[in-house]
PDB file of N, CA and C in Angstrom:
ATOM      1  N   MET A   1    -137.426  23.315-122.384  1.00  0.00           N
ATOM      2  CA  MET A   1    -138.746  23.503-121.832  1.00  0.00           C
ATOM      3  C   MET A   1    -139.746  22.787-122.739  1.00  0.00           C
ATOM      4  N   LYS A   2    -140.644  22.044-122.129  1.00  0.00           N
ATOM      5  CA  LYS A   2    -141.659  21.305-122.877  1.00  0.00           C
ATOM      6  C   LYS A   2    -142.833  22.224-123.227  1.00  0.00           C
ATOM      7  N   PHE A   3    -143.669  21.754-124.145  1.00  0.00           N
ATOM      8  CA  PHE A   3    -144.797  22.543-124.638  1.00  0.00           C
ATOM      9  C   PHE A   3    -145.707  23.008-123.505  1.00  0.00           C
ATOM     10  N   ASP A   4    -146.154  22.082-122.660  1.00  0.00           N
ATOM     11  CA  ASP A   4    -147.088  22.455-121.589  1.00  0.00           C
ATOM     12  C   ASP A   4    -146.441  23.390-120.566  1.00  0.00           C
ATOM     13  N   GLN A   5    -145.152  23.201-120.297  1.00  0.00           N
ATOM     14  CA  GLN A   5    -144.449  24.092-119.378  1.00  0.00           C
ATOM     15  C   GLN A   5    -144.350  25.504-119.950  1.00  0.00           C
ATOM     16  N   ALA A   6    -144.104  25.591-121.244  1.00  0.00           N
ATOM     17  CA  ALA A   6    -143.984  26.903-121.884  1.00  0.00           C
ATOM     18  C   ALA A   6    -145.306  27.656-121.841  1.00  0.00           C
ATOM     19  N   ILE A   7    -146.403  26.979-122.136  1.00  0.00           N
ATOM     20  CA  ILE A   7    -147.714  27.625-122.129  1.00  0.00           C
ATOM     21  C   ILE A   7    -148.076  28.054-120.707  1.00  0.00           C
ATOM     22  N   ARG A   8    -147.844  27.172-119.748  1.00  0.00           N
ATOM     23  CA  ARG A   8    -148.123  27.502-118.353  1.00  0.00           C
ATOM     24  C   ARG A   8    -147.275  28.693-117.904  1.00  0.00           C
ATOM     25  N   SER A   9    -146.023  28.705-118.290  1.00  0.00           N
ATOM     26  CA  SER A   9    -145.130  29.802-117.924  1.00  0.00           C
ATOM     27  C   SER A   9    -145.614  31.132-118.499  1.00  0.00           C
ATOM     28  N   CYS A  10    -146.064  31.123-119.733  1.00  0.00           N
ATOM     29  CA  CYS A  10    -146.548  32.368-120.351  1.00  0.00           C
ATOM     30  C   CYS A  10    -147.816  32.866-119.676  1.00  0.00           C
ATOM     31  N   PHE A  11    -148.704  31.954-119.292  1.00  0.00           N
ATOM     32  CA  PHE A  11    -149.912  32.391-118.592  1.00  0.00           C
ATOM     33  C   PHE A  11    -149.607  32.858-117.170  1.00  0.00           C
ATOM     34  N   GLU A  12    -148.623  32.238-116.518  1.00  0.00           N
ATOM     35  CA  GLU A  12    -148.237  32.675-115.177  1.00  0.00           C
ATOM     36  C   GLU A  12    -147.579  34.049-115.213  1.00  0.00           C
ATOM     37  N   LYS A  13    -146.874  34.331-116.285  1.00  0.00           N
ATOM     38  CA  LYS A  13    -146.217  35.635-116.461  1.00  0.00           C
ATOM     39  C   LYS A  13    -147.031  36.475-117.442  1.00  0.00           C
ATOM     40  N   TYR A  14    -148.330  36.483-117.285  1.00  0.00           N
ATOM     41  CA  TYR A  14    -149.280  37.086-118.227  1.00  0.00           C
ATOM     42  C   TYR A  14    -148.868  38.490-118.666  1.00  0.00           C
ATOM     43  N   ALA A  15    -148.510  39.341-117.743  1.00  0.00           N
ATOM     44  CA  ALA A  15    -148.145  40.728-118.073  1.00  0.00           C
ATOM     45  C   ALA A  15    -146.784  41.089-117.501  1.00  0.00           C
ATOM     46  N   THR A  16    -145.872  40.118-117.463  1.00  0.00           N
ATOM     47  CA  THR A  16    -144.526  40.355-116.951  1.00  0.00           C
ATOM     48  C   THR A  16    -143.608  40.667-118.131  1.00  0.00           C
ATOM     49  N   PHE A  17    -143.146  41.898-118.180  1.00  0.00           N
ATOM     50  CA  PHE A  17    -142.309  42.331-119.287  1.00  0.00           C
ATOM     51  C   PHE A  17    -140.829  42.343-118.924  1.00  0.00           C
ATOM     52  N   SER A  18    -140.499  41.986-117.705  1.00  0.00           N
ATOM     53  CA  SER A  18    -139.096  41.924-117.295  1.00  0.00           C
ATOM     54  C   SER A  18    -138.664  40.466-117.268  1.00  0.00           C
ATOM     55  N   GLY A  19    -137.374  40.264-117.290  1.00  0.00           N
ATOM     56  CA  GLY A  19    -136.857  38.905-117.284  1.00  0.00           C
ATOM     57  C   GLY A  19    -136.583  38.430-118.693  1.00  0.00           C
ATOM     58  N   ARG A  20    -136.473  37.120-118.820  1.00  0.00           N
ATOM     59  CA  ARG A  20    -136.087  36.530-120.092  1.00  0.00           C
ATOM     60  C   ARG A  20    -136.977  35.345-120.420  1.00  0.00           C
ATOM     61  N   ALA A  21    -137.094  35.051-121.714  1.00  0.00           N
ATOM     62  CA  ALA A  21    -137.838  33.881-122.185  1.00  0.00           C
ATOM     63  C   ALA A  21    -136.940  33.096-123.136  1.00  0.00           C
ATOM     64  N   SER A  22    -136.889  31.809-122.941  1.00  0.00           N
ATOM     65  CA  SER A  22    -136.048  30.972-123.802  1.00  0.00           C
ATOM     66  C   SER A  22    -136.668  30.855-125.188  1.00  0.00           C
ATOM     67  N   ARG A  23    -135.878  30.367-126.120  1.00  0.00           N
ATOM     68  CA  ARG A  23    -136.389  30.155-127.474  1.00  0.00           C
ATOM     69  C   ARG A  23    -137.559  29.192-127.470  1.00  0.00           C
ATOM     70  N   SER A  24    -137.424  28.107-126.712  1.00  0.00           N
ATOM     71  CA  SER A  24    -138.501  27.120-126.696  1.00  0.00           C
ATOM     72  C   SER A  24    -139.778  27.701-126.113  1.00  0.00           C
ATOM     73  N   GLU A  25    -139.670  28.507-125.064  1.00  0.00           N
ATOM     74  CA  GLU A  25    -140.857  29.126-124.481  1.00  0.00           C
ATOM     75  C   GLU A  25    -141.547  30.024-125.506  1.00  0.00           C
ATOM     76  N   TYR A  26    -140.765  30.830-126.207  1.00  0.00           N
ATOM     77  CA  TYR A  26    -141.332  31.747-127.190  1.00  0.00           C
ATOM     78  C   TYR A  26    -141.989  30.998-128.344  1.00  0.00           C
ATOM     79  N   TRP A  27    -141.275  30.050-128.928  1.00  0.00           N
ATOM     80  CA  TRP A  27    -141.803  29.374-130.117  1.00  0.00           C
ATOM     81  C   TRP A  27    -142.944  28.421-129.780  1.00  0.00           C
ATOM     82  N   TYR A  28    -142.945  27.806-128.609  1.00  0.00           N
ATOM     83  CA  TYR A  28    -144.107  27.013-128.203  1.00  0.00           C
ATOM     84  C   TYR A  28    -145.324  27.906-127.996  1.00  0.00           C
ATOM     85  N   TRP A  29    -145.110  29.114-127.477  1.00  0.00           N
ATOM     86  CA  TRP A  29    -146.224  30.052-127.314  1.00  0.00           C
ATOM     87  C   TRP A  29    -146.796  30.444-128.679  1.00  0.00           C
ATOM     88  N   ILE A  30    -145.932  30.707-129.641  1.00  0.00           N
ATOM     89  CA  ILE A  30    -146.385  31.055-131.002  1.00  0.00           C
ATOM     90  C   ILE A  30    -147.150  29.879-131.606  1.00  0.00           C
ATOM     91  N   LEU A  31    -146.644  28.674-131.432  1.00  0.00           N
ATOM     92  CA  LEU A  31    -147.340  27.489-131.934  1.00  0.00           C
ATOM     93  C   LEU A  31    -148.716  27.347-131.290  1.00  0.00           C
ATOM     94  N   PHE A  32    -148.786  27.499-129.978  1.00  0.00           N
ATOM     95  CA  PHE A  32    -150.050  27.427-129.253  1.00  0.00           C
ATOM     96  C   PHE A  32    -151.034  28.475-129.766  1.00  0.00           C
ATOM     97  N   SER A  33    -150.563  29.698-129.944  1.00  0.00           N
ATOM     98  CA  SER A  33    -151.419  30.784-130.408  1.00  0.00           C
ATOM     99  C   SER A  33    -151.964  30.517-131.808  1.00  0.00           C
ATOM    100  N   CYS A  34    -151.101  30.087-132.704  1.00  0.00           N
ATOM    101  CA  CYS A  34    -151.518  29.851-134.092  1.00  0.00           C
ATOM    102  C   CYS A  34    -152.439  28.652-134.232  1.00  0.00           C
ATOM    103  N   VAL A  35    -152.096  27.553-133.588  1.00  0.00           N
ATOM    104  CA  VAL A  35    -152.950  26.358-133.671  1.00  0.00           C
ATOM    105  C   VAL A  35    -154.299  26.620-133.019  1.00  0.00           C
ATOM    106  N   GLY A  36    -154.291  27.279-131.858  1.00  0.00           N
ATOM    107  CA  GLY A  36    -155.549  27.628-131.208  1.00  0.00           C
ATOM    108  C   GLY A  36    -156.403  28.528-132.072  1.00  0.00           C
ATOM    109  N   TRP A  37    -155.778  29.498-132.726  1.00  0.00           N
ATOM    110  CA  TRP A  37    -156.506  30.411-133.605  1.00  0.00           C
ATOM    111  C   TRP A  37    -157.117  29.652-134.771  1.00  0.00           C
ATOM    112  N   LEU A  38    -156.351  28.742-135.377  1.00  0.00           N
ATOM    113  CA  LEU A  38    -156.882  27.955-136.498  1.00  0.00           C
ATOM    114  C   LEU A  38    -158.070  27.096-136.077  1.00  0.00           C
ATOM    115  N   ILE A  39    -157.989  26.495-134.905  1.00  0.00           N
ATOM    116  CA  ILE A  39    -159.101  25.675-134.408  1.00  0.00           C
ATOM    117  C   ILE A  39    -160.328  26.532-134.147  1.00  0.00           C
ATOM    118  N   ILE A  40    -160.129  27.670-133.538  1.00  0.00           N
ATOM    119  CA  ILE A  40    -161.259  28.554-133.236  1.00  0.00           C
ATOM    120  C   ILE A  40    -161.889  29.097-134.517  1.00  0.00           C
ATOM    121  N   VAL A  41    -161.087  29.457-135.494  1.00  0.00           N
ATOM    122  CA  VAL A  41    -161.623  29.953-136.766  1.00  0.00           C
ATOM    123  C   VAL A  41    -162.408  28.856-137.478  1.00  0.00           C
ATOM    124  N   LYS A  42    -161.913  27.647-137.405  1.00  0.00           N
ATOM    125  CA  LYS A  42    -162.565  26.515-138.087  1.00  0.00           C
ATOM    126  C   LYS A  42    -163.936  26.213-137.480  1.00  0.00           C
ATOM    127  N   PHE A  43    -164.056  26.282-136.157  1.00  0.00           N
ATOM    128  CA  PHE A  43    -165.273  25.807-135.501  1.00  0.00           C
ATOM    129  C   PHE A  43    -166.160  26.902-134.918  1.00  0.00           C
ATOM    130  N   THR A  44    -165.637  28.105-134.704  1.00  0.00           N
ATOM    131  CA  THR A  44    -166.459  29.168-134.120  1.00  0.00           C
ATOM    132  C   THR A  44    -166.130  30.501-134.776  1.00  0.00           C
ATOM    133  N   LYS A  45    -166.788  31.522-134.343  1.00  0.00           N
ATOM    134  CA  LYS A  45    -166.510  32.885-134.813  1.00  0.00           C
ATOM    135  C   LYS A  45    -165.933  33.731-133.678  1.00  0.00           C
ATOM    136  N   LEU A  46    -165.345  33.101-132.673  1.00  0.00           N
ATOM    137  CA  LEU A  46    -164.867  33.800-131.479  1.00  0.00           C
ATOM    138  C   LEU A  46    -163.372  34.124-131.523  1.00  0.00           C
ATOM    139  N   PHE A  47    -162.807  34.193-132.718  1.00  0.00           N
ATOM    140  CA  PHE A  47    -161.370  34.419-132.798  1.00  0.00           C
ATOM    141  C   PHE A  47    -160.961  35.808-132.306  1.00  0.00           C
ATOM    142  N   TYR A  48    -161.885  36.767-132.316  1.00  0.00           N
ATOM    143  CA  TYR A  48    -161.556  38.088-131.768  1.00  0.00           C
ATOM    144  C   TYR A  48    -161.301  38.002-130.264  1.00  0.00           C
ATOM    145  N   ILE A  49    -162.057  37.186-129.588  1.00  0.00           N
ATOM    146  CA  ILE A  49    -161.853  36.981-128.151  1.00  0.00           C
ATOM    147  C   ILE A  49    -160.503  36.306-127.909  1.00  0.00           C
ATOM    148  N   TRP A  50    -160.178  35.310-128.732  1.00  0.00           N
ATOM    149  CA  TRP A  50    -158.887  34.622-128.642  1.00  0.00           C
ATOM    150  C   TRP A  50    -157.745  35.617-128.843  1.00  0.00           C
ATOM    151  N   ASP A  51    -157.842  36.421-129.904  1.00  0.00           N
ATOM    152  CA  ASP A  51    -156.797  37.404-130.187  1.00  0.00           C
ATOM    153  C   ASP A  51    -156.640  38.406-129.046  1.00  0.00           C
ATOM    154  N   PHE A  52    -157.745  38.919-128.556  1.00  0.00           N
ATOM    155  CA  PHE A  52    -157.703  39.904-127.483  1.00  0.00           C
ATOM    156  C   PHE A  52    -157.150  39.297-126.195  1.00  0.00           C
ATOM    157  N   GLY A  53    -157.543  38.058-125.894  1.00  0.00           N
ATOM    158  CA  GLY A  53    -157.085  37.397-124.674  1.00  0.00           C
ATOM    159  C   GLY A  53    -155.603  37.072-124.677  1.00  0.00           C
ATOM    160  N   LEU A  54    -155.032  36.833-125.853  1.00  0.00           N
ATOM    161  CA  LEU A  54    -153.620  36.467-125.943  1.00  0.00           C
ATOM    162  C   LEU A  54    -152.721  37.634-126.347  1.00  0.00           C
ATOM    163  N   LEU A  55    -153.286  38.814-126.525  1.00  0.00           N
ATOM    164  CA  LEU A  55    -152.490  39.964-126.954  1.00  0.00           C
ATOM    165  C   LEU A  55    -151.409  40.319-125.938  1.00  0.00           C
ATOM    166  N   ILE A  56    -151.792  40.524-124.694  1.00  0.00           N
ATOM    167  CA  ILE A  56    -150.819  40.949-123.672  1.00  0.00           C
ATOM    168  C   ILE A  56    -149.771  39.871-123.399  1.00  0.00           C
ATOM    169  N   PRO A  57    -150.150  38.593-123.198  1.00  0.00           N
ATOM    170  CA  PRO A  57    -149.085  37.610-122.967  1.00  0.00           C
ATOM    171  C   PRO A  57    -148.182  37.410-124.188  1.00  0.00           C
ATOM    172  N   SER A  58    -148.716  37.610-125.387  1.00  0.00           N
ATOM    173  CA  SER A  58    -147.879  37.481-126.587  1.00  0.00           C
ATOM    174  C   SER A  58    -146.849  38.599-126.651  1.00  0.00           C
ATOM    175  N   ILE A  59    -147.260  39.800-126.339  1.00  0.00           N
ATOM    176  CA  ILE A  59    -146.311  40.915-126.306  1.00  0.00           C
ATOM    177  C   ILE A  59    -145.291  40.702-125.190  1.00  0.00           C
ATOM    178  N   ALA A  60    -145.768  40.242-124.026  1.00  0.00           N
ATOM    179  CA  ALA A  60    -144.873  40.033-122.883  1.00  0.00           C
ATOM    180  C   ALA A  60    -143.817  38.980-123.185  1.00  0.00           C
ATOM    181  N   VAL A  61    -144.211  37.855-123.772  1.00  0.00           N
ATOM    182  CA  VAL A  61    -143.218  36.816-124.074  1.00  0.00           C
ATOM    183  C   VAL A  61    -142.280  37.295-125.179  1.00  0.00           C
ATOM    184  N   GLY A  62    -142.763  38.112-126.102  1.00  0.00           N
ATOM    185  CA  GLY A  62    -141.896  38.685-127.130  1.00  0.00           C
ATOM    186  C   GLY A  62    -140.851  39.613-126.539  1.00  0.00           C
ATOM    187  N   VAL A  63    -141.271  40.445-125.599  1.00  0.00           N
ATOM    188  CA  VAL A  63    -140.336  41.355-124.920  1.00  0.00           C
ATOM    189  C   VAL A  63    -139.303  40.551-124.131  1.00  0.00           C
ATOM    190  N   ARG A  64    -139.765  39.527-123.406  1.00  0.00           N
ATOM    191  CA  ARG A  64    -138.821  38.702-122.636  1.00  0.00           C
ATOM    192  C   ARG A  64    -137.850  37.973-123.568  1.00  0.00           C
ATOM    193  N   ARG A  65    -138.324  37.560-124.752  1.00  0.00           N
ATOM    194  CA  ARG A  65    -137.432  36.904-125.721  1.00  0.00           C
ATOM    195  C   ARG A  65    -136.384  37.883-126.241  1.00  0.00           C
ATOM    196  N   MET A  66    -136.794  39.115-126.477  1.00  0.00           N
ATOM    197  CA  MET A  66    -135.830  40.143-126.893  1.00  0.00           C
ATOM    198  C   MET A  66    -134.775  40.349-125.808  1.00  0.00           C
ATOM    199  N   HIS A  67    -135.204  40.330-124.545  1.00  0.00           N
ATOM    200  CA  HIS A  67    -134.261  40.477-123.434  1.00  0.00           C
ATOM    201  C   HIS A  67    -133.273  39.316-123.418  1.00  0.00           C
ATOM    202  N   ASP A  68    -133.746  38.112-123.717  1.00  0.00           N
ATOM    203  CA  ASP A  68    -132.867  36.949-123.693  1.00  0.00           C
ATOM    204  C   ASP A  68    -131.794  37.059-124.769  1.00  0.00           C
ATOM    205  N   SER A  69    -132.109  37.716-125.873  1.00  0.00           N
ATOM    206  CA  SER A  69    -131.103  37.902-126.923  1.00  0.00           C
ATOM    207  C   SER A  69    -130.366  39.226-126.768  1.00  0.00           C
ATOM    208  N   ASP A  70    -130.479  39.842-125.574  1.00  0.00           N
ATOM    209  CA  ASP A  70    -129.780  41.070-125.207  1.00  0.00           C
ATOM    210  C   ASP A  70    -130.180  42.266-126.069  1.00  0.00           C
ATOM    211  N   HIS A  71    -131.486  42.378-126.333  1.00  0.00           N
ATOM    212  CA  HIS A  71    -132.030  43.519-127.065  1.00  0.00           C
ATOM    213  C   HIS A  71    -133.185  44.107-126.271  1.00  0.00           C
ATOM    214  N   SER A  72    -133.452  45.358-126.521  1.00  0.00           N
ATOM    215  CA  SER A  72    -134.573  46.017-125.861  1.00  0.00           C
ATOM    216  C   SER A  72    -135.899  45.486-126.407  1.00  0.00           C
ATOM    217  N   GLY A  73    -136.895  45.387-125.549  1.00  0.00           N
ATOM    218  CA  GLY A  73    -138.217  44.942-125.968  1.00  0.00           C
ATOM    219  C   GLY A  73    -138.896  45.892-126.931  1.00  0.00           C
ATOM    220  N   TRP A  74    -138.415  47.121-127.006  1.00  0.00           N
ATOM    221  CA  TRP A  74    -138.997  48.100-127.924  1.00  0.00           C
ATOM    222  C   TRP A  74    -138.799  47.708-129.383  1.00  0.00           C
ATOM    223  N   TRP A  75    -137.888  46.788-129.657  1.00  0.00           N
ATOM    224  CA  TRP A  75    -137.688  46.334-131.035  1.00  0.00           C
ATOM    225  C   TRP A  75    -138.920  45.628-131.580  1.00  0.00           C
ATOM    226  N   LEU A  76    -139.844  45.241-130.723  1.00  0.00           N
ATOM    227  CA  LEU A  76    -141.081  44.597-131.193  1.00  0.00           C
ATOM    228  C   LEU A  76    -141.916  45.540-132.059  1.00  0.00           C
ATOM    229  N   ILE A  77    -141.676  46.833-131.954  1.00  0.00           N
ATOM    230  CA  ILE A  77    -142.412  47.807-132.751  1.00  0.00           C
ATOM    231  C   ILE A  77    -142.079  47.650-134.239  1.00  0.00           C
ATOM    232  N   PHE A  78    -140.885  47.184-134.540  1.00  0.00           N
ATOM    233  CA  PHE A  78    -140.427  47.027-135.912  1.00  0.00           C
ATOM    234  C   PHE A  78    -140.432  45.538-136.273  1.00  0.00           C
ATOM    235  N   PRO A  79    -141.504  45.043-136.883  1.00  0.00           N
ATOM    236  CA  PRO A  79    -141.664  43.595-137.082  1.00  0.00           C
ATOM    237  C   PRO A  79    -140.541  42.917-137.859  1.00  0.00           C
ATOM    238  N   ILE A  80    -140.021  43.528-138.895  1.00  0.00           N
ATOM    239  CA  ILE A  80    -138.975  42.873-139.686  1.00  0.00           C
ATOM    240  C   ILE A  80    -137.694  42.724-138.859  1.00  0.00           C
ATOM    241  N   VAL A  81    -137.295  43.777-138.198  1.00  0.00           N
ATOM    242  CA  VAL A  81    -136.102  43.733-137.343  1.00  0.00           C
ATOM    243  C   VAL A  81    -136.328  42.738-136.208  1.00  0.00           C
ATOM    244  N   ASP A  82    -137.534  42.750-135.668  1.00  0.00           N
ATOM    245  CA  ASP A  82    -137.892  41.848-134.578  1.00  0.00           C
ATOM    246  C   ASP A  82    -137.678  40.392-134.979  1.00  0.00           C
ATOM    247  N   LEU A  83    -138.133  40.008-136.144  1.00  0.00           N
ATOM    248  CA  LEU A  83    -137.965  38.620-136.583  1.00  0.00           C
ATOM    249  C   LEU A  83    -136.503  38.243-136.724  1.00  0.00           C
ATOM    250  N   VAL A  84    -135.693  39.149-137.201  1.00  0.00           N
ATOM    251  CA  VAL A  84    -134.262  38.878-137.329  1.00  0.00           C
ATOM    252  C   VAL A  84    -133.628  38.721-135.955  1.00  0.00           C
ATOM    253  N   LEU A  85    -133.943  39.621-135.025  1.00  0.00           N
ATOM    254  CA  LEU A  85    -133.331  39.585-133.693  1.00  0.00           C
ATOM    255  C   LEU A  85    -133.754  38.370-132.885  1.00  0.00           C
ATOM    256  N   LEU A  86    -134.957  37.850-133.122  1.00  0.00           N
ATOM    257  CA  LEU A  86    -135.426  36.703-132.357  1.00  0.00           C
ATOM    258  C   LEU A  86    -134.582  35.454-132.589  1.00  0.00           C
ATOM    259  N   PHE A  87    -133.908  35.388-133.722  1.00  0.00           N
ATOM    260  CA  PHE A  87    -133.136  34.201-134.041  1.00  0.00           C
ATOM    261  C   PHE A  87    -131.711  34.220-133.498  1.00  0.00           C
ATOM    262  N   PHE A  88    -131.287  35.346-132.927  1.00  0.00           N
ATOM    263  CA  PHE A  88    -129.951  35.395-132.344  1.00  0.00           C
ATOM    264  C   PHE A  88    -129.899  34.521-131.109  1.00  0.00           C
ATOM    265  N   PRO A  89    -128.795  33.839-130.893  1.00  0.00           N
ATOM    266  CA  PRO A  89    -128.693  32.969-129.718  1.00  0.00           C
ATOM    267  C   PRO A  89    -128.662  33.764-128.411  1.00  0.00           C
ATOM    268  N   SER A  90    -129.034  33.094-127.356  1.00  0.00           N
ATOM    269  CA  SER A  90    -129.010  33.711-126.032  1.00  0.00           C
ATOM    270  C   SER A  90    -127.577  33.963-125.608  1.00  0.00           C
ATOM    271  N   LYS A  91    -127.395  35.031-124.841  1.00  0.00           N
ATOM    272  CA  LYS A  91    -126.072  35.359-124.321  1.00  0.00           C
ATOM    273  C   LYS A  91    -126.145  35.337-122.804  1.00  0.00           C
ATOM    274  N   ASP A  92    -125.147  34.805-122.169  1.00  0.00           N
ATOM    275  CA  ASP A  92    -125.076  34.828-120.703  1.00  0.00           C
ATOM    276  C   ASP A  92    -123.750  35.430-120.300  1.00  0.00           C
ATOM    277  N   PRO A  93    -123.676  36.302-119.391  1.00  0.00           N
ATOM    278  CA  PRO A  93    -124.785  37.104-118.867  1.00  0.00           C
ATOM    279  C   PRO A  93    -125.093  38.249-119.817  1.00  0.00           C
ATOM    280  N   ASN A  94    -126.242  38.852-119.657  1.00  0.00           N
ATOM    281  CA  ASN A  94    -126.550  40.051-120.415  1.00  0.00           C
ATOM    282  C   ASN A  94    -127.165  41.086-119.488  1.00  0.00           C
ATOM    283  N   ARG A  95    -127.528  42.220-120.020  1.00  0.00           N
ATOM    284  CA  ARG A  95    -127.993  43.318-119.167  1.00  0.00           C
ATOM    285  C   ARG A  95    -129.385  43.106-118.614  1.00  0.00           C
ATOM    286  N   PHE A  96    -130.121  42.118-119.096  1.00  0.00           N
ATOM    287  CA  PHE A  96    -131.459  41.815-118.587  1.00  0.00           C
ATOM    288  C   PHE A  96    -131.385  40.548-117.736  1.00  0.00           C
ATOM    289  N   HIS A  97    -131.003  40.696-116.505  1.00  0.00           N
ATOM    290  CA  HIS A  97    -130.809  39.550-115.606  1.00  0.00           C
ATOM    291  C   HIS A  97    -132.155  38.941-115.224  1.00  0.00           C
ATOM    292  N   SER A  98    -132.111  37.678-114.855  1.00  0.00           N
ATOM    293  CA  SER A  98    -133.257  36.987-114.284  1.00  0.00           C
ATOM    294  C   SER A  98    -133.349  35.593-114.816  1.00  0.00           C
TER     295      SER A  98
END
């Protein structure tokens, strides 16, 4: 998945917590979020709006990424475990179809 496709996909699935997200979709979203935040911090004081606007899609893509690695999205509550689980390869098929 290319960068623009990943960002478009995350915005289209703004609050979709079911299904799966590929590694590229997740990491391109993180890159988009971080670079956008850095640009906004550098030039404006509106980073709170940026953070608030991307909160739900960031959680949603994180949950879908957990599903792709065959883990429950609730693991996002534990940040250290979450980072470890995100690096596991995708499994086909798994219990989170789609």
